[in-house]
C-alpha cells in the first residue's frame, strides 16, 4: 500500500524555497558590497544552493513513497 506523506512534501518545498531566497540574498549582498566579484562568496552560495535543492528533493521524494 502506497501512502503519500504531505508533511514531508511541504517541508521539502520549504527547503527549496529557502534555497532560492538564500541564493538571491547572497548574490545581491555580494553585488552591493563589493565592487569586484568575489568568486569565493559566489561559489559558496552556489554550493549551498545545490545542497539545499538536493536535500529538498530527497525529502519530497521520501514523502511520495
PDB file of N, CA and C in Angstrom:
ATOM      1  N   UNK A   1       0.818  -1.175   0.000  1.00  0.00           N
ATOM      2  CA  UNK A   1       0.000   0.000   0.000  1.00  0.00           C
ATOM      3  C   UNK A   1       0.870   1.251   0.000  1.00  0.00           C
ATOM      4  N   UNK A   2       0.607   2.134  -0.904  1.00  0.00           N
ATOM      5  CA  UNK A   2       1.382   3.347  -1.045  1.00  0.00           C
ATOM      6  C   UNK A   2       0.669   4.499  -0.350  1.00  0.00           C
ATOM      7  N   UNK A   3       1.400   5.234   0.459  1.00  0.00           N
ATOM      8  CA  UNK A   3       0.809   6.339   1.195  1.00  0.00           C
ATOM      9  C   UNK A   3       1.636   7.598   0.992  1.00  0.00           C
ATOM     10  N   UNK A   4       0.992   8.670   0.607  1.00  0.00           N
ATOM     11  CA  UNK A   4       1.689   9.940   0.461  1.00  0.00           C
ATOM     12  C   UNK A   4       1.762  10.638   1.811  1.00  0.00           C
ATOM     13  N   UNK A   5       2.898  11.232   2.088  1.00  0.00           N
ATOM     14  CA  UNK A   5       3.073  11.997   3.306  1.00  0.00           C
ATOM     15  C   UNK A   5       3.193  13.467   2.906  1.00  0.00           C
ATOM     16  N   UNK A   6       2.100  14.179   3.027  1.00  0.00           N
ATOM     17  CA  UNK A   6       2.046  15.571   2.589  1.00  0.00           C
ATOM     18  C   UNK A   6       2.958  16.478   3.420  1.00  0.00           C
ATOM     19  N   UNK A   7       3.156  16.145   4.687  1.00  0.00           N
ATOM     20  CA  UNK A   7       4.001  16.979   5.547  1.00  0.00           C
ATOM     21  C   UNK A   7       5.442  16.981   5.046  1.00  0.00           C
ATOM     22  N   UNK A   8       5.954  15.815   4.678  1.00  0.00           N
ATOM     23  CA  UNK A   8       7.322  15.761   4.160  1.00  0.00           C
ATOM     24  C   UNK A   8       7.449  16.514   2.843  1.00  0.00           C
ATOM     25  N   UNK A   9       6.433  16.431   2.018  1.00  0.00           N
ATOM     26  CA  UNK A   9       6.459  17.167   0.755  1.00  0.00           C
ATOM     27  C   UNK A   9       6.513  18.670   1.000  1.00  0.00           C
ATOM     28  N   UNK A  10       5.749  19.140   1.966  1.00  0.00           N
ATOM     29  CA  UNK A  10       5.729  20.584   2.270  1.00  0.00           C
ATOM     30  C   UNK A  10       7.048  21.035   2.885  1.00  0.00           C
ATOM     31  N   UNK A  11       7.653  20.186   3.704  1.00  0.00           N
ATOM     32  CA  UNK A  11       8.968  20.524   4.271  1.00  0.00           C
ATOM     33  C   UNK A  11       9.999  20.624   3.158  1.00  0.00           C
ATOM     34  N   UNK A  12       9.969  19.697   2.217  1.00  0.00           N
ATOM     35  CA  UNK A  12      10.895  19.744   1.080  1.00  0.00           C
ATOM     36  C   UNK A  12      10.701  20.989   0.243  1.00  0.00           C
ATOM     37  N   UNK A  13       9.449  21.367   0.014  1.00  0.00           N
ATOM     38  CA  UNK A  13       9.168  22.598  -0.740  1.00  0.00           C
ATOM     39  C   UNK A  13       9.677  23.819   0.006  1.00  0.00           C
ATOM     40  N   UNK A  14       9.542  23.805   1.331  1.00  0.00           N
ATOM     41  CA  UNK A  14      10.043  24.912   2.144  1.00  0.00           C
ATOM     42  C   UNK A  14      11.550  25.035   2.066  1.00  0.00           C
ATOM     43  N   UNK A  15      12.254  23.908   2.066  1.00  0.00           N
ATOM     44  CA  UNK A  15      13.717  23.931   1.957  1.00  0.00           C
ATOM     45  C   UNK A  15      14.130  24.469   0.596  1.00  0.00           C
ATOM     46  N   UNK A  16      13.429  24.085  -0.442  1.00  0.00           N
ATOM     47  CA  UNK A  16      13.747  24.592  -1.780  1.00  0.00           C
ATOM     48  C   UNK A  16      13.478  26.095  -1.873  1.00  0.00           C
ATOM     49  N   UNK A  17      12.387  26.542  -1.266  1.00  0.00           N
ATOM     50  CA  UNK A  17      12.093  27.980  -1.246  1.00  0.00           C
ATOM     51  C   UNK A  17      13.164  28.733  -0.470  1.00  0.00           C
ATOM     52  N   UNK A  18      13.629  28.167   0.641  1.00  0.00           N
ATOM     53  CA  UNK A  18      14.700  28.786   1.405  1.00  0.00           C
ATOM     54  C   UNK A  18      15.983  28.849   0.586  1.00  0.00           C
ATOM     55  N   UNK A  19      16.256  27.811  -0.202  1.00  0.00           N
ATOM     56  CA  UNK A  19      17.448  27.810  -1.056  1.00  0.00           C
ATOM     57  C   UNK A  19      17.380  28.959  -2.063  1.00  0.00           C
ATOM     58  N   UNK A  20      16.211  29.169  -2.655  1.00  0.00           N
ATOM     59  CA  UNK A  20      16.049  30.274  -3.603  1.00  0.00           C
ATOM     60  C   UNK A  20      16.256  31.618  -2.928  1.00  0.00           C
ATOM     61  N   UNK A  21      15.659  31.792  -1.773  1.00  0.00           N
ATOM     62  CA  UNK A  21      15.786  33.050  -1.040  1.00  0.00           C
ATOM     63  C   UNK A  21      17.221  33.293  -0.599  1.00  0.00           C
ATOM     64  N   UNK A  22      17.869  32.276  -0.053  1.00  0.00           N
ATOM     65  CA  UNK A  22      19.250  32.399   0.394  1.00  0.00           C
ATOM     66  C   UNK A  22      20.177  32.768  -0.757  1.00  0.00           C
ATOM     67  N   UNK A  23      20.005  32.125  -1.884  1.00  0.00           N
ATOM     68  CA  UNK A  23      20.871  32.388  -3.030  1.00  0.00           C
ATOM     69  C   UNK A  23      20.664  33.803  -3.561  1.00  0.00           C
ATOM     70  N   UNK A  24      19.424  34.223  -3.672  1.00  0.00           N
ATOM     71  CA  UNK A  24      19.156  35.573  -4.168  1.00  0.00           C
ATOM     72  C   UNK A  24      19.742  36.622  -3.235  1.00  0.00           C
ATOM     73  N   UNK A  25      19.554  36.459  -1.944  1.00  0.00           N
ATOM     74  CA  UNK A  25      20.099  37.429  -0.993  1.00  0.00           C
ATOM     75  C   UNK A  25      21.618  37.410  -0.961  1.00  0.00           C
ATOM     76  N   UNK A  26      22.228  36.245  -1.112  1.00  0.00           N
ATOM     77  CA  UNK A  26      23.687  36.158  -1.131  1.00  0.00           C
ATOM     78  C   UNK A  26      24.275  36.863  -2.343  1.00  0.00           C
ATOM     79  N   UNK A  27      23.677  36.636  -3.490  1.00  0.00           N
ATOM     80  CA  UNK A  27      24.186  37.261  -4.716  1.00  0.00           C
ATOM     81  C   UNK A  27      24.000  38.778  -4.658  1.00  0.00           C
ATOM     82  N   UNK A  28      22.853  39.222  -4.149  1.00  0.00           N
ATOM     83  CA  UNK A  28      22.623  40.664  -4.022  1.00  0.00           C
ATOM     84  C   UNK A  28      23.616  41.275  -3.035  1.00  0.00           C
ATOM     85  N   UNK A  29      23.883  40.574  -1.936  1.00  0.00           N
ATOM     86  CA  UNK A  29      24.831  41.072  -0.950  1.00  0.00           C
ATOM     87  C   UNK A  29      26.232  41.200  -1.544  1.00  0.00           C
ATOM     88  N   UNK A  30      26.669  40.202  -2.292  1.00  0.00           N
ATOM     89  CA  UNK A  30      27.991  40.258  -2.910  1.00  0.00           C
ATOM     90  C   UNK A  30      28.034  41.388  -3.930  1.00  0.00           C
ATOM     91  N   UNK A  31      26.966  41.555  -4.692  1.00  0.00           N
ATOM     92  CA  UNK A  31      26.923  42.590  -5.723  1.00  0.00           C
ATOM     93  C   UNK A  31      26.955  43.989  -5.113  1.00  0.00           C
ATOM     94  N   UNK A  32      26.220  44.208  -4.041  1.00  0.00           N
ATOM     95  CA  UNK A  32      26.147  45.539  -3.437  1.00  0.00           C
ATOM     96  C   UNK A  32      27.361  45.871  -2.573  1.00  0.00           C
ATOM     97  N   UNK A  33      27.967  44.865  -1.970  1.00  0.00           N
ATOM     98  CA  UNK A  33      29.056  45.100  -1.033  1.00  0.00           C
ATOM     99  C   UNK A  33      30.398  45.290  -1.728  1.00  0.00           C
ATOM    100  N   UNK A  34      30.657  44.539  -2.747  1.00  0.00           N
ATOM    101  CA  UNK A  34      31.964  44.565  -3.401  1.00  0.00           C
ATOM    102  C   UNK A  34      31.862  45.183  -4.780  1.00  0.00           C
ATOM    103  N   UNK A  35      32.905  45.900  -5.124  1.00  0.00           N
ATOM    104  CA  UNK A  35      32.963  46.441  -6.478  1.00  0.00           C
ATOM    105  C   UNK A  35      33.483  45.395  -7.460  1.00  0.00           C
ATOM    106  N   UNK A  36      34.273  44.473  -6.958  1.00  0.00           N
ATOM    107  CA  UNK A  36      34.735  43.375  -7.801  1.00  0.00           C
ATOM    108  C   UNK A  36      34.043  42.092  -7.355  1.00  0.00           C
ATOM    109  N   UNK A  37      33.912  41.161  -8.263  1.00  0.00           N
ATOM    110  CA  UNK A  37      33.193  39.923  -7.996  1.00  0.00           C
ATOM    111  C   UNK A  37      34.043  39.003  -7.127  1.00  0.00           C
ATOM    112  N   UNK A  38      33.501  38.574  -6.025  1.00  0.00           N
ATOM    113  CA  UNK A  38      34.179  37.674  -5.109  1.00  0.00           C
ATOM    114  C   UNK A  38      33.763  36.244  -5.462  1.00  0.00           C
ATOM    115  N   UNK A  39      34.656  35.517  -6.116  1.00  0.00           N
ATOM    116  CA  UNK A  39      34.326  34.183  -6.603  1.00  0.00           C
ATOM    117  C   UNK A  39      34.118  33.187  -5.463  1.00  0.00           C
ATOM    118  N   UNK A  40      34.795  33.409  -4.343  1.00  0.00           N
ATOM    119  CA  UNK A  40      34.628  32.507  -3.201  1.00  0.00           C
ATOM    120  C   UNK A  40      33.203  32.619  -2.640  1.00  0.00           C
ATOM    121  N   UNK A  41      32.705  33.820  -2.496  1.00  0.00           N
ATOM    122  CA  UNK A  41      31.358  34.015  -1.954  1.00  0.00           C
ATOM    123  C   UNK A  41      30.299  33.483  -2.915  1.00  0.00           C
ATOM    124  N   UNK A  42      30.481  33.741  -4.190  1.00  0.00           N
ATOM    125  CA  UNK A  42      29.517  33.248  -5.178  1.00  0.00           C
ATOM    126  C   UNK A  42      29.563  31.726  -5.250  1.00  0.00           C
ATOM    127  N   UNK A  43      30.748  31.159  -5.210  1.00  0.00           N
ATOM    128  CA  UNK A  43      30.888  29.701  -5.246  1.00  0.00           C
ATOM    129  C   UNK A  43      30.285  29.040  -4.025  1.00  0.00           C
ATOM    130  N   UNK A  44      30.496  29.648  -2.860  1.00  0.00           N
ATOM    131  CA  UNK A  44      29.935  29.095  -1.640  1.00  0.00           C
ATOM    132  C   UNK A  44      28.411  29.172  -1.638  1.00  0.00           C
ATOM    133  N   UNK A  45      27.859  30.269  -2.132  1.00  0.00           N
ATOM    134  CA  UNK A  45      26.397  30.370  -2.195  1.00  0.00           C
ATOM    135  C   UNK A  45      25.833  29.405  -3.230  1.00  0.00           C
ATOM    136  N   UNK A  46      26.540  29.190  -4.328  1.00  0.00           N
ATOM    137  CA  UNK A  46      26.092  28.225  -5.336  1.00  0.00           C
ATOM    138  C   UNK A  46      26.135  26.800  -4.771  1.00  0.00           C
ATOM    139  N   UNK A  47      27.178  26.498  -4.016  1.00  0.00           N
ATOM    140  CA  UNK A  47      27.297  25.176  -3.398  1.00  0.00           C
ATOM    141  C   UNK A  47      26.160  24.949  -2.391  1.00  0.00           C
ATOM    142  N   UNK A  48      25.881  25.960  -1.579  1.00  0.00           N
ATOM    143  CA  UNK A  48      24.792  25.868  -0.608  1.00  0.00           C
ATOM    144  C   UNK A  48      23.460  25.695  -1.315  1.00  0.00           C
ATOM    145  N   UNK A  49      23.269  26.402  -2.431  1.00  0.00           N
ATOM    146  CA  UNK A  49      22.056  26.293  -3.231  1.00  0.00           C
ATOM    147  C   UNK A  49      21.850  24.860  -3.708  1.00  0.00           C
ATOM    148  N   UNK A  50      22.888  24.272  -4.241  1.00  0.00           N
ATOM    149  CA  UNK A  50      22.786  22.902  -4.769  1.00  0.00           C
ATOM    150  C   UNK A  50      22.506  21.907  -3.641  1.00  0.00           C
ATOM    151  N   UNK A  51      23.193  22.063  -2.520  1.00  0.00           N
ATOM    152  CA  UNK A  51      22.992  21.145  -1.401  1.00  0.00           C
ATOM    153  C   UNK A  51      21.558  21.241  -0.875  1.00  0.00           C
ATOM    154  N   UNK A  52      21.047  22.458  -0.707  1.00  0.00           N
ATOM    155  CA  UNK A  52      19.680  22.618  -0.219  1.00  0.00           C
ATOM    156  C   UNK A  52      18.662  22.066  -1.210  1.00  0.00           C
ATOM    157  N   UNK A  53      18.900  22.250  -2.511  1.00  0.00           N
ATOM    158  CA  UNK A  53      17.988  21.690  -3.506  1.00  0.00           C
ATOM    159  C   UNK A  53      17.973  20.161  -3.445  1.00  0.00           C
ATOM    160  N   UNK A  54      19.145  19.563  -3.334  1.00  0.00           N
ATOM    161  CA  UNK A  54      19.216  18.097  -3.275  1.00  0.00           C
ATOM    162  C   UNK A  54      18.501  17.581  -2.041  1.00  0.00           C
ATOM    163  N   UNK A  55      18.730  18.212  -0.892  1.00  0.00           N
ATOM    164  CA  UNK A  55      18.063  17.799   0.342  1.00  0.00           C
ATOM    165  C   UNK A  55      16.549  17.968   0.210  1.00  0.00           C
ATOM    166  N   UNK A  56      16.101  19.084  -0.350  1.00  0.00           N
ATOM    167  CA  UNK A  56      14.675  19.325  -0.529  1.00  0.00           C
ATOM    168  C   UNK A  56      14.022  18.286  -1.423  1.00  0.00           C
ATOM    169  N   UNK A  57      14.664  17.964  -2.539  1.00  0.00           N
ATOM    170  CA  UNK A  57      14.085  16.972  -3.442  1.00  0.00           C
ATOM    171  C   UNK A  57      14.106  15.569  -2.850  1.00  0.00           C
ATOM    172  N   UNK A  58      15.138  15.252  -2.045  1.00  0.00           N
ATOM    173  CA  UNK A  58      15.157  13.952  -1.403  1.00  0.00           C
ATOM    174  C   UNK A  58      14.016  13.825  -0.397  1.00  0.00           C
ATOM    175  N   UNK A  59      13.734  14.899   0.323  1.00  0.00           N
ATOM    176  CA  UNK A  59      12.628  14.869   1.295  1.00  0.00           C
ATOM    177  C   UNK A  59      11.299  14.762   0.566  1.00  0.00           C
ATOM    178  N   UNK A  60      11.149  15.486  -0.538  1.00  0.00           N
ATOM    179  CA  UNK A  60       9.909  15.383  -1.324  1.00  0.00           C
ATOM    180  C   UNK A  60       9.736  13.963  -1.851  1.00  0.00           C
ATOM    181  N   UNK A  61      10.804  13.379  -2.346  1.00  0.00           N
ATOM    182  CA  UNK A  61      10.729  12.018  -2.875  1.00  0.00           C
ATOM    183  C   UNK A  61      10.395  11.016  -1.776  1.00  0.00           C
ATOM    184  N   UNK A  62      10.965  11.231  -0.596  1.00  0.00           N
ATOM    185  CA  UNK A  62      10.670  10.367   0.538  1.00  0.00           C
ATOM    186  C   UNK A  62       9.212  10.487   0.955  1.00  0.00           C
ATOM    187  N   UNK A  63       8.654  11.688   0.843  1.00  0.00           N
ATOM    188  CA  UNK A  63       7.258  11.897   1.191  1.00  0.00           C
ATOM    189  C   UNK A  63       6.288  11.281   0.203  1.00  0.00           C
ATOM    190  N   UNK A  64       6.725  11.060  -1.028  1.00  0.00           N
ATOM    191  CA  UNK A  64       5.822  10.488  -2.023  1.00  0.00           C
ATOM    192  C   UNK A  64       5.942   8.966  -2.123  1.00  0.00           C
ATOM    193  N   UNK A  65       6.837   8.372  -1.362  1.00  0.00           N
ATOM    194  CA  UNK A  65       6.971   6.906  -1.377  1.00  0.00           C
ATOM    195  C   UNK A  65       5.948   6.242  -0.496  1.00  0.00           C
TER     196      UNK A  65
END
